[in-house]
Amino acid sequence: MGEIVNLRHRRKTKIRAERPAQAASNRARFGRSPAKRRLVKTVKLKRARELDGRRLQSGDDS
């Protein structure tokens, strides 16, 4: 006779083994590098500063 195998345990083990490969694939497809995130943040802050600098001052001081 063969070894008794819990199929649910075997299925979960297989899924756990495949998870890191799927995560690496998702990072490659959807992720941004830290340098790219920094660049986007810097550009966003610069645009906000430029917009605030060009804001018209109202005549009312209230």
N, C-alpha and C. Protein backbone atom coordinates (compact mmCIF):
# COMPACT_ATOMS: atom_id res chain seq x y z
N MET A 1 0.83 -1.19 0.00
CA MET A 1 0.00 0.00 0.00
C MET A 1 0.87 1.24 0.00
N GLY A 2 0.30 2.28 -0.56
CA GLY A 2 1.03 3.54 -0.63
C GLY A 2 0.84 4.37 0.63
N GLU A 3 1.51 5.44 0.65
CA GLU A 3 1.43 6.35 1.80
C GLU A 3 0.11 7.11 1.78
N ILE A 4 -0.48 7.30 2.95
CA ILE A 4 -1.72 8.05 3.07
C ILE A 4 -1.39 9.54 2.98
N VAL A 5 -2.10 10.23 2.09
CA VAL A 5 -1.81 11.64 1.84
C VAL A 5 -3.08 12.46 2.04
N ASN A 6 -2.96 13.52 2.79
CA ASN A 6 -4.07 14.43 2.96
C ASN A 6 -4.05 15.39 1.76
N LEU A 7 -5.04 15.28 0.89
CA LEU A 7 -5.05 16.06 -0.34
C LEU A 7 -5.17 17.56 -0.08
N ARG A 8 -5.89 17.93 0.95
CA ARG A 8 -6.02 19.34 1.28
C ARG A 8 -4.66 19.92 1.67
N HIS A 9 -3.93 19.17 2.47
CA HIS A 9 -2.58 19.61 2.89
C HIS A 9 -1.66 19.72 1.67
N ARG A 10 -1.73 18.74 0.79
CA ARG A 10 -0.89 18.74 -0.42
C ARG A 10 -1.22 19.94 -1.30
N ARG A 11 -2.51 20.26 -1.45
CA ARG A 11 -2.94 21.39 -2.28
C ARG A 11 -2.43 22.70 -1.69
N LYS A 12 -2.57 22.86 -0.38
CA LYS A 12 -2.12 24.09 0.27
C LYS A 12 -0.60 24.24 0.19
N THR A 13 0.12 23.15 0.30
CA THR A 13 1.58 23.19 0.19
C THR A 13 1.99 23.64 -1.21
N LYS A 14 1.30 23.13 -2.21
CA LYS A 14 1.59 23.52 -3.59
C LYS A 14 1.33 25.01 -3.80
N ILE A 15 0.23 25.50 -3.28
CA ILE A 15 -0.11 26.93 -3.42
C ILE A 15 0.94 27.79 -2.73
N ARG A 16 1.37 27.39 -1.54
CA ARG A 16 2.39 28.14 -0.81
C ARG A 16 3.71 28.17 -1.56
N ALA A 17 4.03 27.10 -2.25
CA ALA A 17 5.27 27.04 -3.02
C ALA A 17 5.20 27.95 -4.25
N GLU A 18 4.01 28.13 -4.81
CA GLU A 18 3.85 28.96 -6.01
C GLU A 18 3.74 30.45 -5.69
N ARG A 19 3.41 30.79 -4.45
CA ARG A 19 3.19 32.19 -4.07
C ARG A 19 4.38 33.11 -4.34
N PRO A 20 5.61 32.75 -3.96
CA PRO A 20 6.74 33.66 -4.21
C PRO A 20 6.95 33.97 -5.70
N ALA A 21 6.75 32.99 -6.55
CA ALA A 21 6.91 33.22 -7.99
C ALA A 21 5.83 34.17 -8.48
N GLN A 22 4.62 34.00 -8.01
CA GLN A 22 3.52 34.89 -8.41
C GLN A 22 3.78 36.31 -7.90
N ALA A 23 4.29 36.43 -6.69
CA ALA A 23 4.59 37.75 -6.13
C ALA A 23 5.68 38.45 -6.94
N ALA A 24 6.70 37.72 -7.33
CA ALA A 24 7.78 38.31 -8.14
C ALA A 24 7.25 38.76 -9.49
N SER A 25 6.38 37.98 -10.06
CA SER A 25 5.77 38.35 -11.34
C SER A 25 4.93 39.62 -11.20
N ASN A 26 4.15 39.70 -10.13
CA ASN A 26 3.33 40.89 -9.90
C ASN A 26 4.18 42.13 -9.66
N ARG A 27 5.29 41.99 -8.92
CA ARG A 27 6.18 43.13 -8.69
C ARG A 27 6.76 43.62 -10.00
N ALA A 28 7.12 42.70 -10.87
CA ALA A 28 7.70 43.09 -12.15
C ALA A 28 6.65 43.77 -13.04
N ARG A 29 5.42 43.31 -12.97
CA ARG A 29 4.38 43.88 -13.83
C ARG A 29 3.82 45.19 -13.30
N PHE A 30 3.61 45.28 -12.00
CA PHE A 30 2.87 46.41 -11.45
C PHE A 30 3.68 47.31 -10.54
N GLY A 31 4.79 46.84 -10.04
CA GLY A 31 5.54 47.59 -9.05
C GLY A 31 6.37 48.71 -9.64
N ARG A 32 6.73 49.65 -8.78
CA ARG A 32 7.62 50.74 -9.17
C ARG A 32 8.85 50.66 -8.27
N SER A 33 9.98 50.98 -8.84
CA SER A 33 11.20 50.95 -8.06
C SER A 33 11.19 52.12 -7.08
N PRO A 34 11.97 52.03 -6.01
CA PRO A 34 12.04 53.14 -5.05
C PRO A 34 12.48 54.45 -5.71
N ALA A 35 13.37 54.37 -6.66
CA ALA A 35 13.82 55.58 -7.36
C ALA A 35 12.66 56.21 -8.13
N LYS A 36 11.86 55.41 -8.78
CA LYS A 36 10.72 55.91 -9.54
C LYS A 36 9.69 56.55 -8.59
N ARG A 37 9.45 55.91 -7.43
CA ARG A 37 8.51 56.49 -6.47
C ARG A 37 9.00 57.84 -5.96
N ARG A 38 10.32 57.93 -5.67
CA ARG A 38 10.90 59.19 -5.22
C ARG A 38 10.75 60.27 -6.29
N LEU A 39 11.00 59.91 -7.54
CA LEU A 39 10.89 60.86 -8.64
C LEU A 39 9.46 61.38 -8.76
N VAL A 40 8.50 60.50 -8.71
CA VAL A 40 7.09 60.90 -8.82
C VAL A 40 6.71 61.82 -7.66
N LYS A 41 7.17 61.49 -6.46
CA LYS A 41 6.86 62.32 -5.29
C LYS A 41 7.49 63.70 -5.42
N THR A 42 8.73 63.75 -5.88
CA THR A 42 9.42 65.03 -6.04
C THR A 42 8.73 65.90 -7.07
N VAL A 43 8.36 65.31 -8.19
CA VAL A 43 7.68 66.07 -9.25
C VAL A 43 6.34 66.59 -8.74
N LYS A 44 5.62 65.76 -8.00
CA LYS A 44 4.32 66.17 -7.46
C LYS A 44 4.47 67.34 -6.50
N LEU A 45 5.47 67.29 -5.61
CA LEU A 45 5.71 68.39 -4.68
C LEU A 45 6.12 69.67 -5.41
N LYS A 46 6.94 69.51 -6.43
CA LYS A 46 7.39 70.68 -7.21
C LYS A 46 6.21 71.35 -7.90
N ARG A 47 5.35 70.55 -8.50
CA ARG A 47 4.17 71.12 -9.17
C ARG A 47 3.26 71.84 -8.18
N ALA A 48 3.10 71.28 -6.99
CA ALA A 48 2.27 71.91 -5.97
C ALA A 48 2.87 73.25 -5.54
N ARG A 49 4.20 73.30 -5.37
CA ARG A 49 4.87 74.56 -5.00
C ARG A 49 4.71 75.61 -6.10
N GLU A 50 4.88 75.19 -7.34
CA GLU A 50 4.74 76.12 -8.46
C GLU A 50 3.31 76.65 -8.55
N LEU A 51 2.34 75.80 -8.33
CA LEU A 51 0.95 76.22 -8.39
C LEU A 51 0.66 77.22 -7.28
N ASP A 52 1.14 76.93 -6.06
CA ASP A 52 0.93 77.85 -4.95
C ASP A 52 1.63 79.18 -5.19
N GLY A 53 2.77 79.17 -5.84
CA GLY A 53 3.50 80.39 -6.13
C GLY A 53 2.81 81.26 -7.16
N ARG A 54 2.00 80.67 -8.00
CA ARG A 54 1.30 81.43 -9.04
C ARG A 54 -0.12 81.78 -8.65
N ARG A 55 -0.50 81.43 -7.46
CA ARG A 55 -1.84 81.72 -6.99
C ARG A 55 -2.03 83.23 -6.85
N LEU A 56 -3.13 83.72 -7.33
CA LEU A 56 -3.42 85.14 -7.23
C LEU A 56 -3.86 85.48 -5.82
N GLN A 57 -3.36 86.59 -5.33
CA GLN A 57 -3.75 87.07 -4.00
C GLN A 57 -5.02 87.89 -4.17
N SER A 58 -6.00 87.64 -3.32
CA SER A 58 -7.23 88.40 -3.41
C SER A 58 -7.02 89.77 -2.80
N GLY A 59 -7.85 90.73 -3.21
CA GLY A 59 -7.77 92.09 -2.69
C GLY A 59 -8.25 92.19 -1.26
N ASP A 60 -9.05 91.25 -0.83
CA ASP A 60 -9.55 91.25 0.54
C ASP A 60 -8.50 90.64 1.46
N ASP A 61 -8.34 91.24 2.63
CA ASP A 61 -7.41 90.69 3.59
C ASP A 61 -8.17 89.92 4.66
N SER A 62 -9.35 89.41 4.35
CA SER A 62 -10.12 88.68 5.34
C SER A 62 -9.97 87.22 5.19
